[in-house]
Amino acid sequence: MRVTVFGATGRTGRPLVEQAVERGHEVVAFARSPGDVEPRDGVTVVEGDAYTGTGVSEAVADNDAVVSVLGQTGDGPDDLLTVAGDHVLGAMTEHGVDRFVTLVGAGVREAGESVSLSGRVMGTLLKLAARSVLTDAEDHVERVRATDLDWTVVRAPRLVDGEGTGDYRAGDVALGLESVARADVARFILDCLEGDLYVHAMPKVGSA
């Protein structure tokens, strides 16, 4: 499979690219600074800016799937996921690429889903401390769900660095005041791609 990764130089993107290559996939790593992508066989780098849309169409063309693990930074725009996501979705439609997996925080809810007490506490904290981040993710997900793509929205709690456990629990699982390794989230994303799992669904992923 040939996969475009937006956010390839980020803390989740790096293990995602590494694992994708190890699993035999070709990766197109999208980056504002190509020098930040570790050179390796199986990785092609496309320079651009997802927020402005520069290079997005080139990165998506002729590929089998697209993954976004973009994340807001302290000095970045408040609507990064929404605006960059619109550019990505447009390029996918333009080039006939159907499979899309995007990563957001577990604070994004589905209508009517049950939420644990700790999950409700986390949701309240997010609204108080990071309202713009949550709103951006919610707007992005709304736009993704409105498309005809084979989309999956992966929702994760607090992300931490490290090798992880090599396992995870996923689906309609209870998440609260917990963390999950970025490497394990990357494994789940690749499993979703390879197995066509959770198409038109919003699975949560947590530590095993």
C-alpha atoms as a PDB file:
ATOM      1  CA  MET A   1       0.000   0.000   0.000  1.00  0.00           C
ATOM      2  CA  ARG A   2       1.182   3.519  -0.767  1.00  0.00           C
ATOM      3  CA  VAL A   3       0.164   5.865   2.057  1.00  0.00           C
ATOM      4  CA  THR A   4       0.410   9.622   2.431  1.00  0.00           C
ATOM      5  CA  VAL A   5       1.076  10.769   6.002  1.00  0.00           C
ATOM      6  CA  PHE A   6       0.275  14.326   7.038  1.00  0.00           C
ATOM      7  CA  GLY A   7       2.033  15.162  10.286  1.00  0.00           C
ATOM      8  CA  ALA A   8       4.873  12.805   9.376  1.00  0.00           C
ATOM      9  CA  THR A   9       7.474  14.769  11.343  1.00  0.00           C
ATOM     10  CA  GLY A  10       5.366  14.987  14.492  1.00  0.00           C
ATOM     11  CA  ARG A  11       5.637  12.848  17.598  1.00  0.00           C
ATOM     12  CA  THR A  12       2.940  10.457  16.379  1.00  0.00           C
ATOM     13  CA  GLY A  13       3.896  10.696  12.719  1.00  0.00           C
ATOM     14  CA  ARG A  14       7.438   9.475  13.264  1.00  0.00           C
ATOM     15  CA  PRO A  15       6.502   6.058  14.717  1.00  0.00           C
ATOM     16  CA  LEU A  16       3.692   5.806  12.173  1.00  0.00           C
ATOM     17  CA  VAL A  17       6.082   6.255   9.243  1.00  0.00           C
ATOM     18  CA  GLU A  18       8.618   3.880  10.780  1.00  0.00           C
ATOM     19  CA  GLN A  19       6.069   1.137  11.403  1.00  0.00           C
ATOM     20  CA  ALA A  20       4.465   1.560   7.979  1.00  0.00           C
ATOM     21  CA  VAL A  21       7.788   0.954   6.264  1.00  0.00           C
ATOM     22  CA  GLU A  22       8.539  -2.005   8.520  1.00  0.00           C
ATOM     23  CA  ARG A  23       5.189  -3.491   7.499  1.00  0.00           C
ATOM     24  CA  GLY A  24       6.060  -3.215   3.827  1.00  0.00           C
ATOM     25  CA  HIS A  25       4.198  -0.064   2.833  1.00  0.00           C
ATOM     26  CA  GLU A  26       5.455   2.843   0.757  1.00  0.00           C
ATOM     27  CA  VAL A  27       5.092   6.173   2.535  1.00  0.00           C
ATOM     28  CA  VAL A  28       4.761   9.678   1.177  1.00  0.00           C
ATOM     29  CA  ALA A  29       5.800  11.857   4.112  1.00  0.00           C
ATOM     30  CA  PHE A  30       4.401  15.379   3.920  1.00  0.00           C
ATOM     31  CA  ALA A  31       6.565  17.952   5.683  1.00  0.00           C
ATOM     32  CA  ARG A  32       7.125  21.686   5.838  1.00  0.00           C
ATOM     33  CA  SER A  33      10.812  20.964   6.454  1.00  0.00           C
ATOM     34  CA  PRO A  34      11.925  17.906   4.441  1.00  0.00           C
ATOM     35  CA  GLY A  35      15.153  17.724   6.415  1.00  0.00           C
ATOM     36  CA  ASP A  36      13.125  16.717   9.470  1.00  0.00           C
ATOM     37  CA  VAL A  37      12.185  13.407   7.821  1.00  0.00           C
ATOM     38  CA  GLU A  38      14.674  10.640   8.521  1.00  0.00           C
ATOM     39  CA  PRO A  39      15.935   9.258   5.182  1.00  0.00           C
ATOM     40  CA  ARG A  40      14.960   5.630   4.708  1.00  0.00           C
ATOM     41  CA  ASP A  41      14.062   3.257   1.915  1.00  0.00           C
ATOM     42  CA  GLY A  42      10.365   3.283   1.165  1.00  0.00           C
ATOM     43  CA  VAL A  43       9.826   6.932   2.115  1.00  0.00           C
ATOM     44  CA  THR A  44       9.272   9.769  -0.355  1.00  0.00           C
ATOM     45  CA  VAL A  45       9.160  13.288   1.022  1.00  0.00           C
ATOM     46  CA  VAL A  46       6.848  15.977  -0.340  1.00  0.00           C
ATOM     47  CA  GLU A  47       7.448  19.503   0.901  1.00  0.00           C
ATOM     48  CA  GLY A  48       4.479  21.720   1.587  1.00  0.00           C
ATOM     49  CA  ASP A  49       2.180  23.370   4.066  1.00  0.00           C
ATOM     50  CA  ALA A  50      -1.114  21.629   4.804  1.00  0.00           C
ATOM     51  CA  TYR A  51      -2.635  24.804   6.271  1.00  0.00           C
ATOM     52  CA  THR A  52      -2.138  26.804   3.075  1.00  0.00           C
ATOM     53  CA  GLY A  53      -2.666  23.759   0.867  1.00  0.00           C
ATOM     54  CA  THR A  54       0.739  24.032  -0.791  1.00  0.00           C
ATOM     55  CA  GLY A  55       1.919  20.622  -2.007  1.00  0.00           C
ATOM     56  CA  VAL A  56      -1.134  18.745  -0.684  1.00  0.00           C
ATOM     57  CA  SER A  57      -2.429  17.652  -4.092  1.00  0.00           C
ATOM     58  CA  GLU A  58       1.003  16.381  -5.114  1.00  0.00           C
ATOM     59  CA  ALA A  59       1.322  14.387  -1.899  1.00  0.00           C
ATOM     60  CA  VAL A  60      -2.056  12.683  -2.326  1.00  0.00           C
ATOM     61  CA  ALA A  61      -1.913  11.878  -6.045  1.00  0.00           C
ATOM     62  CA  ASP A  62      -1.564   8.211  -7.093  1.00  0.00           C
ATOM     63  CA  ASN A  63      -1.703   6.853  -3.547  1.00  0.00           C
ATOM     64  CA  ASP A  64      -3.930   4.219  -1.939  1.00  0.00           C
ATOM     65  CA  ALA A  65      -4.698   5.897   1.368  1.00  0.00           C
ATOM     66  CA  VAL A  66      -4.155   9.041   3.411  1.00  0.00           C
ATOM     67  CA  VAL A  67      -3.522   9.391   7.139  1.00  0.00           C
ATOM     68  CA  SER A  68      -3.600  12.633   9.106  1.00  0.00           C
ATOM     69  CA  VAL A  69      -1.905  12.785  12.480  1.00  0.00           C
ATOM     70  CA  LEU A  70      -1.651  16.552  12.460  1.00  0.00           C
ATOM     71  CA  GLY A  71      -1.818  18.229  15.825  1.00  0.00           C
ATOM     72  CA  GLN A  72      -2.017  21.772  17.087  1.00  0.00           C
ATOM     73  CA  THR A  73       1.029  23.457  18.576  1.00  0.00           C
ATOM     74  CA  GLY A  74       1.187  26.402  20.918  1.00  0.00           C
ATOM     75  CA  ASP A  75       2.131  28.876  18.174  1.00  0.00           C
ATOM     76  CA  GLY A  76      -0.017  27.359  15.406  1.00  0.00           C
ATOM     77  CA  PRO A  77      -3.436  28.393  14.096  1.00  0.00           C
ATOM     78  CA  ASP A  78      -6.526  27.523  16.122  1.00  0.00           C
ATOM     79  CA  ASP A  79      -8.228  25.945  13.111  1.00  0.00           C
ATOM     80  CA  LEU A  80      -5.343  23.808  11.835  1.00  0.00           C
ATOM     81  CA  LEU A  81      -7.197  20.496  11.634  1.00  0.00           C
ATOM     82  CA  THR A  82     -10.234  22.023   9.961  1.00  0.00           C
ATOM     83  CA  VAL A  83      -8.420  24.075   7.332  1.00  0.00           C
ATOM     84  CA  ALA A  84      -5.669  21.553   6.589  1.00  0.00           C
ATOM     85  CA  GLY A  85      -8.247  18.775   6.599  1.00  0.00           C
ATOM     86  CA  ASP A  86     -10.322  20.586   3.986  1.00  0.00           C
ATOM     87  CA  HIS A  87      -7.279  20.792   1.702  1.00  0.00           C
ATOM     88  CA  VAL A  88      -6.584  17.079   2.194  1.00  0.00           C
ATOM     89  CA  LEU A  89     -10.194  16.042   1.606  1.00  0.00           C
ATOM     90  CA  GLY A  90     -10.334  18.161  -1.530  1.00  0.00           C
ATOM     91  CA  ALA A  91      -7.156  16.599  -2.893  1.00  0.00           C
ATOM     92  CA  MET A  92      -8.466  13.111  -2.180  1.00  0.00           C
ATOM     93  CA  THR A  93     -11.641  13.849  -4.109  1.00  0.00           C
ATOM     94  CA  GLU A  94      -9.607  15.363  -6.924  1.00  0.00           C
ATOM     95  CA  HIS A  95      -7.408  12.293  -7.286  1.00  0.00           C
ATOM     96  CA  GLY A  96      -9.967   9.599  -6.483  1.00  0.00           C
ATOM     97  CA  VAL A  97      -8.271   8.412  -3.279  1.00  0.00           C
ATOM     98  CA  ASP A  98     -10.964   6.967  -1.010  1.00  0.00           C
ATOM     99  CA  ARG A  99      -9.351   5.697   2.224  1.00  0.00           C
ATOM    100  CA  PHE A 100      -8.767   8.242   4.961  1.00  0.00           C
ATOM    101  CA  VAL A 101      -7.830   7.823   8.620  1.00  0.00           C
ATOM    102  CA  THR A 102      -7.564  10.861  10.864  1.00  0.00           C
ATOM    103  CA  LEU A 103      -6.538  11.164  14.508  1.00  0.00           C
ATOM    104  CA  VAL A 104      -8.268  13.426  17.029  1.00  0.00           C
ATOM    105  CA  GLY A 105      -8.602  13.578  20.788  1.00  0.00           C
ATOM    106  CA  ALA A 106     -11.009  11.432  22.762  1.00  0.00           C
ATOM    107  CA  GLY A 107     -12.853  14.588  23.808  1.00  0.00           C
ATOM    108  CA  VAL A 108     -14.638  14.514  20.438  1.00  0.00           C
ATOM    109  CA  ARG A 109     -17.926  12.711  21.063  1.00  0.00           C
ATOM    110  CA  GLU A 110     -20.494  10.900  18.998  1.00  0.00           C
ATOM    111  CA  ALA A 111     -24.135  11.756  19.580  1.00  0.00           C
ATOM    112  CA  GLY A 112     -25.666   9.498  22.200  1.00  0.00           C
ATOM    113  CA  GLU A 113     -22.510   7.639  23.191  1.00  0.00           C
ATOM    114  CA  SER A 114     -21.981   6.708  26.823  1.00  0.00           C
ATOM    115  CA  VAL A 115     -19.096   8.402  28.578  1.00  0.00           C
ATOM    116  CA  SER A 116     -17.459   7.284  31.823  1.00  0.00           C
ATOM    117  CA  LEU A 117     -17.234   9.605  34.809  1.00  0.00           C
ATOM    118  CA  SER A 118     -13.525  10.152  34.235  1.00  0.00           C
ATOM    119  CA  GLY A 119     -14.258  10.764  30.566  1.00  0.00           C
ATOM    120  CA  ARG A 120     -16.777  13.443  31.487  1.00  0.00           C
ATOM    121  CA  VAL A 121     -14.202  15.020  33.795  1.00  0.00           C
ATOM    122  CA  MET A 122     -11.664  15.056  30.964  1.00  0.00           C
ATOM    123  CA  GLY A 123     -14.216  16.573  28.615  1.00  0.00           C
ATOM    124  CA  THR A 124     -14.941  19.369  31.076  1.00  0.00           C
ATOM    125  CA  LEU A 125     -11.236  20.062  31.531  1.00  0.00           C
ATOM    126  CA  LEU A 126     -10.744  20.245  27.771  1.00  0.00           C
ATOM    127  CA  LYS A 127     -13.575  22.723  27.387  1.00  0.00           C
ATOM    128  CA  LEU A 128     -12.052  24.892  30.101  1.00  0.00           C
ATOM    129  CA  ALA A 129      -8.380  24.656  29.134  1.00  0.00           C
ATOM    130  CA  ALA A 130      -8.348  23.914  25.404  1.00  0.00           C
ATOM    131  CA  ARG A 131     -11.699  24.917  23.967  1.00  0.00           C
ATOM    132  CA  SER A 132     -10.237  25.983  20.616  1.00  0.00           C
ATOM    133  CA  VAL A 133      -8.427  22.656  20.180  1.00  0.00           C
ATOM    134  CA  LEU A 134     -11.626  20.723  20.858  1.00  0.00           C
ATOM    135  CA  THR A 135     -13.718  22.937  18.580  1.00  0.00           C
ATOM    136  CA  ASP A 136     -11.190  22.563  15.759  1.00  0.00           C
ATOM    137  CA  ALA A 137     -11.231  18.779  16.077  1.00  0.00           C
ATOM    138  CA  GLU A 138     -15.029  18.677  16.196  1.00  0.00           C
ATOM    139  CA  ASP A 139     -15.302  20.850  13.071  1.00  0.00           C
ATOM    140  CA  HIS A 140     -12.761  18.683  11.251  1.00  0.00           C
ATOM    141  CA  VAL A 141     -14.641  15.504  12.124  1.00  0.00           C
ATOM    142  CA  GLU A 142     -17.938  16.997  10.986  1.00  0.00           C
ATOM    143  CA  ARG A 143     -16.421  17.757   7.584  1.00  0.00           C
ATOM    144  CA  VAL A 144     -14.869  14.287   7.310  1.00  0.00           C
ATOM    145  CA  ARG A 145     -18.158  12.567   8.117  1.00  0.00           C
ATOM    146  CA  ALA A 146     -19.949  14.606   5.449  1.00  0.00           C
ATOM    147  CA  THR A 147     -17.771  13.174   2.660  1.00  0.00           C
ATOM    148  CA  ASP A 148     -18.270  10.046   0.577  1.00  0.00           C
ATOM    149  CA  LEU A 149     -14.787   8.791   1.490  1.00  0.00           C
ATOM    150  CA  ASP A 150     -14.049   5.546   3.332  1.00  0.00           C
ATOM    151  CA  TRP A 151     -13.093   7.427   6.463  1.00  0.00           C
ATOM    152  CA  THR A 152     -12.132   6.384   9.969  1.00  0.00           C
ATOM    153  CA  VAL A 153     -11.831   8.839  12.857  1.00  0.00           C
ATOM    154  CA  VAL A 154      -9.482   7.490  15.539  1.00  0.00           C
ATOM    155  CA  ARG A 155      -9.995   9.044  18.968  1.00  0.00           C
ATOM    156  CA  ALA A 156      -7.236   8.826  21.545  1.00  0.00           C
ATOM    157  CA  PRO A 157      -6.691  10.091  25.100  1.00  0.00           C
ATOM    158  CA  ARG A 158      -3.471  11.778  26.218  1.00  0.00           C
ATOM    159  CA  LEU A 159      -0.592  10.666  23.994  1.00  0.00           C
ATOM    160  CA  VAL A 160       2.813   9.772  25.400  1.00  0.00           C
ATOM    161  CA  ASP A 161       6.141   8.960  23.805  1.00  0.00           C
ATOM    162  CA  GLY A 162       7.964   5.648  23.960  1.00  0.00           C
ATOM    163  CA  GLU A 163       7.835   2.251  22.320  1.00  0.00           C
ATOM    164  CA  GLY A 164       4.494   1.334  23.825  1.00  0.00           C
ATOM    165  CA  THR A 165       3.308  -2.147  24.664  1.00  0.00           C
ATOM    166  CA  GLY A 166       2.792  -3.383  21.122  1.00  0.00           C
ATOM    167  CA  ASP A 167      -0.898  -3.778  21.904  1.00  0.00           C
ATOM    168  CA  TYR A 168      -3.984  -1.677  22.513  1.00  0.00           C
ATOM    169  CA  ARG A 169      -7.713  -1.878  23.115  1.00  0.00           C
ATOM    170  CA  ALA A 170      -9.955  -0.230  20.572  1.00  0.00           C
ATOM    171  CA  GLY A 171     -13.533   0.284  19.507  1.00  0.00           C
ATOM    172  CA  ASP A 172     -16.314   1.323  21.871  1.00  0.00           C
ATOM    173  CA  VAL A 173     -14.025   1.349  24.897  1.00  0.00           C
ATOM    174  CA  ALA A 174     -14.203   3.530  27.986  1.00  0.00           C
ATOM    175  CA  LEU A 175     -11.482   6.159  28.141  1.00  0.00           C
ATOM    176  CA  GLY A 176     -10.871   8.586  30.933  1.00  0.00           C
ATOM    177  CA  LEU A 177      -7.913  10.145  32.680  1.00  0.00           C
ATOM    178  CA  GLU A 178      -5.401   7.831  31.027  1.00  0.00           C
ATOM    179  CA  SER A 179      -2.703   7.859  28.405  1.00  0.00           C
ATOM    180  CA  VAL A 180      -1.705   5.741  25.420  1.00  0.00           C
ATOM    181  CA  ALA A 181       1.632   5.436  23.657  1.00  0.00           C
ATOM    182  CA  ARG A 182       1.874   7.135  20.294  1.00  0.00           C
ATOM    183  CA  ALA A 183       3.510   3.991  18.936  1.00  0.00           C
ATOM    184  CA  ASP A 184       0.466   1.915  19.902  1.00  0.00           C
ATOM    185  CA  VAL A 185      -1.857   4.434  18.258  1.00  0.00           C
ATOM    186  CA  ALA A 186       0.277   4.167  15.122  1.00  0.00           C
ATOM    187  CA  ARG A 187      -0.150   0.376  15.212  1.00  0.00           C
ATOM    188  CA  PHE A 188      -3.894   0.740  15.442  1.00  0.00           C
ATOM    189  CA  ILE A 189      -4.033   3.199  12.546  1.00  0.00           C
ATOM    190  CA  LEU A 190      -2.065   0.813  10.334  1.00  0.00           C
ATOM    191  CA  ASP A 191      -4.270  -2.099  11.393  1.00  0.00           C
ATOM    192  CA  CYS A 192      -7.300  -0.040  10.351  1.00  0.00           C
ATOM    193  CA  LEU A 193      -5.755   0.585   6.933  1.00  0.00           C
ATOM    194  CA  GLU A 194      -4.626  -2.976   6.308  1.00  0.00           C
ATOM    195  CA  GLY A 195      -7.830  -4.599   7.483  1.00  0.00           C
ATOM    196  CA  ASP A 196     -10.324  -1.972   6.303  1.00  0.00           C
ATOM    197  CA  LEU A 197     -11.420  -1.723   9.921  1.00  0.00           C
ATOM    198  CA  TYR A 198     -13.892   0.811  11.342  1.00  0.00           C
ATOM    199  CA  VAL A 199     -14.870   2.346   8.000  1.00  0.00           C
ATOM    200  CA  HIS A 200     -17.383   5.157   8.622  1.00  0.00           C
ATOM    201  CA  ALA A 201     -16.794   4.788  12.358  1.00  0.00           C
ATOM    202  CA  MET A 202     -15.083   6.660  15.205  1.00  0.00           C
ATOM    203  CA  PRO A 203     -13.263   4.047  17.313  1.00  0.00           C
ATOM    204  CA  LYS A 204     -11.480   4.990  20.505  1.00  0.00           C
ATOM    205  CA  VAL A 205      -8.059   3.563  21.247  1.00  0.00           C
ATOM    206  CA  GLY A 206      -6.407   3.111  24.621  1.00  0.00           C
ATOM    207  CA  SER A 207      -3.691   1.152  26.357  1.00  0.00           C
ATOM    208  CA  ALA A 208      -4.183  -2.604  26.593  1.00  0.00           C
END
